[in-house]
Amino acid sequence: MSEEIQRSILDVALAIERLNQAFEKRADALRQAGDAKELQQWLTATHAMRDSGNIYLSWAQHYGRSGGTDVAAEESELDESLDEGSTWPPDQHLAP
C-alpha cells in the first residue's frame, strides 16, 4: 500500500472517530434531557454510522492493499495503525 493511501485511510479513520464522538456527545445530551424516544432513535443512528464507518475503512484497506502489489506482504502495514476489528471510538458503549 502506498504511503499516500495509508495516510489517507488514517485521516479518514480519525475523521470517523471524531464524528462518532460527536454523535455520542449528542446521545449524552439526550440522556440528560430524559428524552427516551429520541435517545433510542439517536442510538440506532449512532450505531449505524459507526458500523458504516468500519465497513468503509475495511474496504478502503482492502482495495488499498490490492493495487497490483503483493497483498500478503503488505497485509500488516496499516494494521499497526488501525485495527479492522475495532470500533470507532474504541471501547465506546452506547447503551442508554
N, C-alpha and C. Protein backbone atom coordinates (compact mmCIF):
# COMPACT_ATOMS: atom_id res chain seq x y z
N MET A 1 0.86 -1.17 0.00
CA MET A 1 0.00 0.00 0.00
C MET A 1 0.90 1.23 0.00
N SER A 2 0.57 2.17 -0.83
CA SER A 2 1.41 3.36 -0.90
C SER A 2 1.27 4.18 0.38
N GLU A 3 2.29 4.95 0.65
CA GLU A 3 2.28 5.78 1.85
C GLU A 3 1.13 6.81 1.80
N GLU A 4 0.85 7.34 0.60
CA GLU A 4 -0.23 8.32 0.46
C GLU A 4 -1.59 7.70 0.79
N ILE A 5 -1.82 6.50 0.29
CA ILE A 5 -3.08 5.82 0.57
C ILE A 5 -3.17 5.48 2.06
N GLN A 6 -2.08 5.00 2.60
CA GLN A 6 -2.05 4.66 4.02
C GLN A 6 -2.38 5.89 4.88
N ARG A 7 -1.77 7.03 4.57
CA ARG A 7 -2.04 8.27 5.31
C ARG A 7 -3.48 8.71 5.14
N SER A 8 -3.99 8.58 3.92
CA SER A 8 -5.38 8.98 3.65
C SER A 8 -6.37 8.13 4.43
N ILE A 9 -6.14 6.84 4.48
CA ILE A 9 -7.02 5.96 5.25
C ILE A 9 -6.97 6.32 6.73
N LEU A 10 -5.79 6.60 7.24
CA LEU A 10 -5.67 7.01 8.64
C LEU A 10 -6.41 8.32 8.88
N ASP A 11 -6.32 9.27 7.95
CA ASP A 11 -7.06 10.53 8.08
C ASP A 11 -8.56 10.29 8.14
N VAL A 12 -9.05 9.39 7.28
CA VAL A 12 -10.47 9.07 7.28
C VAL A 12 -10.86 8.40 8.60
N ALA A 13 -10.04 7.49 9.07
CA ALA A 13 -10.32 6.81 10.34
C ALA A 13 -10.42 7.81 11.49
N LEU A 14 -9.53 8.77 11.51
CA LEU A 14 -9.57 9.78 12.57
C LEU A 14 -10.81 10.67 12.44
N ALA A 15 -11.20 10.99 11.21
CA ALA A 15 -12.41 11.79 11.00
C ALA A 15 -13.65 11.01 11.44
N ILE A 16 -13.69 9.72 11.14
CA ILE A 16 -14.81 8.89 11.57
C ILE A 16 -14.85 8.83 13.10
N GLU A 17 -13.70 8.74 13.71
CA GLU A 17 -13.64 8.72 15.18
C GLU A 17 -14.20 10.01 15.75
N ARG A 18 -13.83 11.15 15.17
CA ARG A 18 -14.37 12.44 15.64
C ARG A 18 -15.88 12.51 15.45
N LEU A 19 -16.37 12.02 14.32
CA LEU A 19 -17.81 12.00 14.08
C LEU A 19 -18.52 11.14 15.11
N ASN A 20 -17.99 9.96 15.37
CA ASN A 20 -18.60 9.09 16.37
C ASN A 20 -18.61 9.72 17.75
N GLN A 21 -17.56 10.44 18.09
CA GLN A 21 -17.52 11.13 19.38
C GLN A 21 -18.58 12.23 19.44
N ALA A 22 -18.77 12.93 18.33
CA ALA A 22 -19.80 13.97 18.27
C ALA A 22 -21.19 13.36 18.42
N PHE A 23 -21.42 12.22 17.77
CA PHE A 23 -22.70 11.53 17.90
C PHE A 23 -22.92 11.10 19.35
N GLU A 24 -21.89 10.61 20.01
CA GLU A 24 -22.01 10.17 21.39
C GLU A 24 -22.29 11.36 22.32
N LYS A 25 -21.70 12.50 22.05
CA LYS A 25 -21.99 13.69 22.85
C LYS A 25 -23.47 14.06 22.74
N ARG A 26 -24.01 13.94 21.54
CA ARG A 26 -25.44 14.22 21.35
C ARG A 26 -26.28 13.21 22.13
N ALA A 27 -25.87 11.94 22.11
CA ALA A 27 -26.58 10.92 22.88
C ALA A 27 -26.55 11.25 24.37
N ASP A 28 -25.42 11.71 24.86
CA ASP A 28 -25.30 12.10 26.27
C ASP A 28 -26.27 13.24 26.60
N ALA A 29 -26.37 14.20 25.70
CA ALA A 29 -27.29 15.32 25.91
C ALA A 29 -28.73 14.84 25.96
N LEU A 30 -29.08 13.90 25.10
CA LEU A 30 -30.43 13.35 25.10
C LEU A 30 -30.70 12.55 26.37
N ARG A 31 -29.68 11.83 26.87
CA ARG A 31 -29.83 11.10 28.13
C ARG A 31 -30.14 12.08 29.26
N GLN A 32 -29.36 13.15 29.32
CA GLN A 32 -29.55 14.15 30.37
C GLN A 32 -30.91 14.83 30.27
N ALA A 33 -31.40 15.01 29.04
CA ALA A 33 -32.70 15.66 28.85
C ALA A 33 -33.85 14.70 29.17
N GLY A 34 -33.55 13.41 29.24
CA GLY A 34 -34.57 12.43 29.58
C GLY A 34 -35.52 12.08 28.44
N ASP A 35 -35.12 12.36 27.23
CA ASP A 35 -35.96 12.07 26.06
C ASP A 35 -35.66 10.66 25.56
N ALA A 36 -36.34 9.68 26.14
CA ALA A 36 -36.05 8.27 25.85
C ALA A 36 -36.32 7.90 24.40
N LYS A 37 -37.41 8.40 23.83
CA LYS A 37 -37.75 8.04 22.45
C LYS A 37 -36.71 8.58 21.47
N GLU A 38 -36.38 9.85 21.60
CA GLU A 38 -35.38 10.44 20.70
C GLU A 38 -34.01 9.81 20.94
N LEU A 39 -33.69 9.50 22.20
CA LEU A 39 -32.41 8.86 22.51
C LEU A 39 -32.31 7.51 21.81
N GLN A 40 -33.38 6.71 21.85
CA GLN A 40 -33.34 5.40 21.21
C GLN A 40 -33.12 5.54 19.70
N GLN A 41 -33.81 6.49 19.09
CA GLN A 41 -33.63 6.73 17.65
C GLN A 41 -32.20 7.19 17.37
N TRP A 42 -31.68 8.06 18.21
CA TRP A 42 -30.33 8.57 18.01
C TRP A 42 -29.30 7.46 18.17
N LEU A 43 -29.50 6.58 19.17
CA LEU A 43 -28.56 5.48 19.37
C LEU A 43 -28.55 4.54 18.16
N THR A 44 -29.72 4.30 17.58
CA THR A 44 -29.79 3.48 16.37
C THR A 44 -28.97 4.12 15.26
N ALA A 45 -29.14 5.42 15.07
CA ALA A 45 -28.38 6.14 14.05
C ALA A 45 -26.88 6.12 14.35
N THR A 46 -26.54 6.28 15.62
CA THR A 46 -25.14 6.28 16.04
C THR A 46 -24.48 4.94 15.73
N HIS A 47 -25.16 3.86 16.06
CA HIS A 47 -24.62 2.53 15.77
C HIS A 47 -24.46 2.33 14.26
N ALA A 48 -25.45 2.77 13.50
CA ALA A 48 -25.38 2.63 12.04
C ALA A 48 -24.20 3.40 11.47
N MET A 49 -23.98 4.61 11.94
CA MET A 49 -22.86 5.41 11.44
C MET A 49 -21.52 4.77 11.82
N ARG A 50 -21.41 4.27 13.05
CA ARG A 50 -20.17 3.63 13.47
C ARG A 50 -19.90 2.39 12.63
N ASP A 51 -20.94 1.56 12.45
CA ASP A 51 -20.76 0.34 11.66
C ASP A 51 -20.43 0.66 10.21
N SER A 52 -21.10 1.65 9.64
CA SER A 52 -20.82 2.04 8.25
C SER A 52 -19.39 2.53 8.10
N GLY A 53 -18.92 3.30 9.07
CA GLY A 53 -17.54 3.78 9.03
C GLY A 53 -16.55 2.64 9.06
N ASN A 54 -16.83 1.63 9.90
CA ASN A 54 -15.93 0.47 9.97
C ASN A 54 -15.92 -0.31 8.66
N ILE A 55 -17.09 -0.44 8.05
CA ILE A 55 -17.17 -1.14 6.75
C ILE A 55 -16.38 -0.36 5.70
N TYR A 56 -16.59 0.95 5.67
CA TYR A 56 -15.88 1.80 4.72
C TYR A 56 -14.36 1.65 4.87
N LEU A 57 -13.88 1.69 6.11
CA LEU A 57 -12.45 1.56 6.35
C LEU A 57 -11.93 0.19 5.93
N SER A 58 -12.70 -0.84 6.21
CA SER A 58 -12.27 -2.19 5.82
C SER A 58 -12.10 -2.31 4.31
N TRP A 59 -13.07 -1.78 3.57
CA TRP A 59 -12.96 -1.82 2.11
C TRP A 59 -11.81 -0.94 1.60
N ALA A 60 -11.64 0.22 2.20
CA ALA A 60 -10.54 1.10 1.79
C ALA A 60 -9.20 0.39 1.99
N GLN A 61 -9.05 -0.29 3.12
CA GLN A 61 -7.81 -1.02 3.37
C GLN A 61 -7.65 -2.17 2.38
N HIS A 62 -8.72 -2.88 2.12
CA HIS A 62 -8.66 -4.00 1.17
C HIS A 62 -8.22 -3.51 -0.21
N TYR A 63 -8.91 -2.50 -0.73
CA TYR A 63 -8.57 -2.00 -2.06
C TYR A 63 -7.22 -1.31 -2.08
N GLY A 64 -6.86 -0.66 -1.01
CA GLY A 64 -5.55 -0.03 -0.94
C GLY A 64 -4.42 -1.05 -1.00
N ARG A 65 -4.66 -2.22 -0.45
CA ARG A 65 -3.66 -3.29 -0.46
C ARG A 65 -3.60 -4.04 -1.78
N SER A 66 -4.70 -4.04 -2.53
CA SER A 66 -4.78 -4.90 -3.70
C SER A 66 -4.42 -4.20 -5.01
N GLY A 67 -3.79 -3.06 -4.95
CA GLY A 67 -3.47 -2.29 -6.14
C GLY A 67 -2.30 -2.83 -6.93
N GLY A 68 -2.33 -4.11 -7.30
CA GLY A 68 -1.29 -4.68 -8.14
C GLY A 68 -0.02 -5.04 -7.40
N THR A 69 -0.09 -5.11 -6.08
CA THR A 69 1.10 -5.46 -5.30
C THR A 69 0.86 -6.78 -4.60
N ASP A 70 1.88 -7.25 -3.92
CA ASP A 70 1.76 -8.47 -3.13
C ASP A 70 0.99 -8.14 -1.86
N VAL A 71 -0.30 -8.40 -1.88
CA VAL A 71 -1.18 -8.04 -0.77
C VAL A 71 -0.73 -8.70 0.52
N ALA A 72 -0.33 -9.96 0.47
CA ALA A 72 0.06 -10.67 1.68
C ALA A 72 1.26 -10.01 2.35
N ALA A 73 2.20 -9.50 1.56
CA ALA A 73 3.39 -8.87 2.12
C ALA A 73 3.05 -7.57 2.83
N GLU A 74 2.01 -6.89 2.36
CA GLU A 74 1.65 -5.60 2.95
C GLU A 74 0.49 -5.71 3.93
N GLU A 75 0.01 -6.90 4.18
CA GLU A 75 -1.20 -7.12 4.97
C GLU A 75 -1.14 -6.45 6.34
N SER A 76 0.01 -6.46 6.98
CA SER A 76 0.07 -5.95 8.35
C SER A 76 0.52 -4.50 8.45
N GLU A 77 0.87 -3.86 7.35
CA GLU A 77 1.37 -2.48 7.41
C GLU A 77 0.41 -1.55 8.13
N LEU A 78 -0.79 -1.43 7.61
CA LEU A 78 -1.74 -0.50 8.18
C LEU A 78 -2.36 -1.04 9.46
N ASP A 79 -2.37 -2.34 9.63
CA ASP A 79 -2.97 -2.92 10.82
C ASP A 79 -2.28 -2.45 12.09
N GLU A 80 -1.04 -2.01 11.97
CA GLU A 80 -0.35 -1.47 13.13
C GLU A 80 -0.97 -0.14 13.55
N SER A 81 -1.51 0.61 12.58
CA SER A 81 -2.15 1.89 12.87
C SER A 81 -3.63 1.74 13.14
N LEU A 82 -4.27 0.82 12.42
CA LEU A 82 -5.72 0.61 12.52
C LEU A 82 -6.00 -0.86 12.74
N ASP A 83 -6.97 -1.13 13.57
CA ASP A 83 -7.41 -2.49 13.80
C ASP A 83 -8.77 -2.64 13.15
N GLU A 84 -8.84 -3.41 12.05
CA GLU A 84 -10.09 -3.55 11.30
C GLU A 84 -11.23 -4.05 12.17
N GLY A 85 -10.94 -4.79 13.20
CA GLY A 85 -12.00 -5.34 14.04
C GLY A 85 -12.47 -4.39 15.12
N SER A 86 -11.82 -3.27 15.27
CA SER A 86 -12.19 -2.36 16.34
C SER A 86 -13.36 -1.49 15.93
N THR A 87 -13.88 -0.80 16.89
CA THR A 87 -14.93 0.17 16.61
C THR A 87 -14.38 1.55 16.87
N TRP A 88 -15.00 2.52 16.25
CA TRP A 88 -14.59 3.90 16.43
C TRP A 88 -15.68 4.65 17.14
N PRO A 89 -15.42 5.21 18.23
CA PRO A 89 -14.19 5.18 19.01
C PRO A 89 -14.06 3.87 19.78
N PRO A 90 -12.83 3.46 20.07
CA PRO A 90 -12.62 2.20 20.78
C PRO A 90 -13.27 2.22 22.16
N ASP A 91 -13.75 1.07 22.60
CA ASP A 91 -14.32 0.88 23.92
C ASP A 91 -15.47 1.83 24.24
N GLN A 92 -16.15 2.29 23.22
CA GLN A 92 -17.29 3.20 23.41
C GLN A 92 -18.54 2.35 23.61
N HIS A 93 -19.27 2.61 24.67
CA HIS A 93 -20.51 1.89 24.93
C HIS A 93 -21.66 2.86 24.77
N LEU A 94 -22.61 2.49 23.94
CA LEU A 94 -23.68 3.41 23.63
C LEU A 94 -25.01 3.03 24.24
N ALA A 95 -24.98 2.13 25.19
CA ALA A 95 -26.24 1.73 25.81
C ALA A 95 -26.86 2.90 26.55
N PRO A 96 -28.20 3.02 26.48
CA PRO A 96 -28.85 4.14 27.17
C PRO A 96 -28.72 4.04 28.68
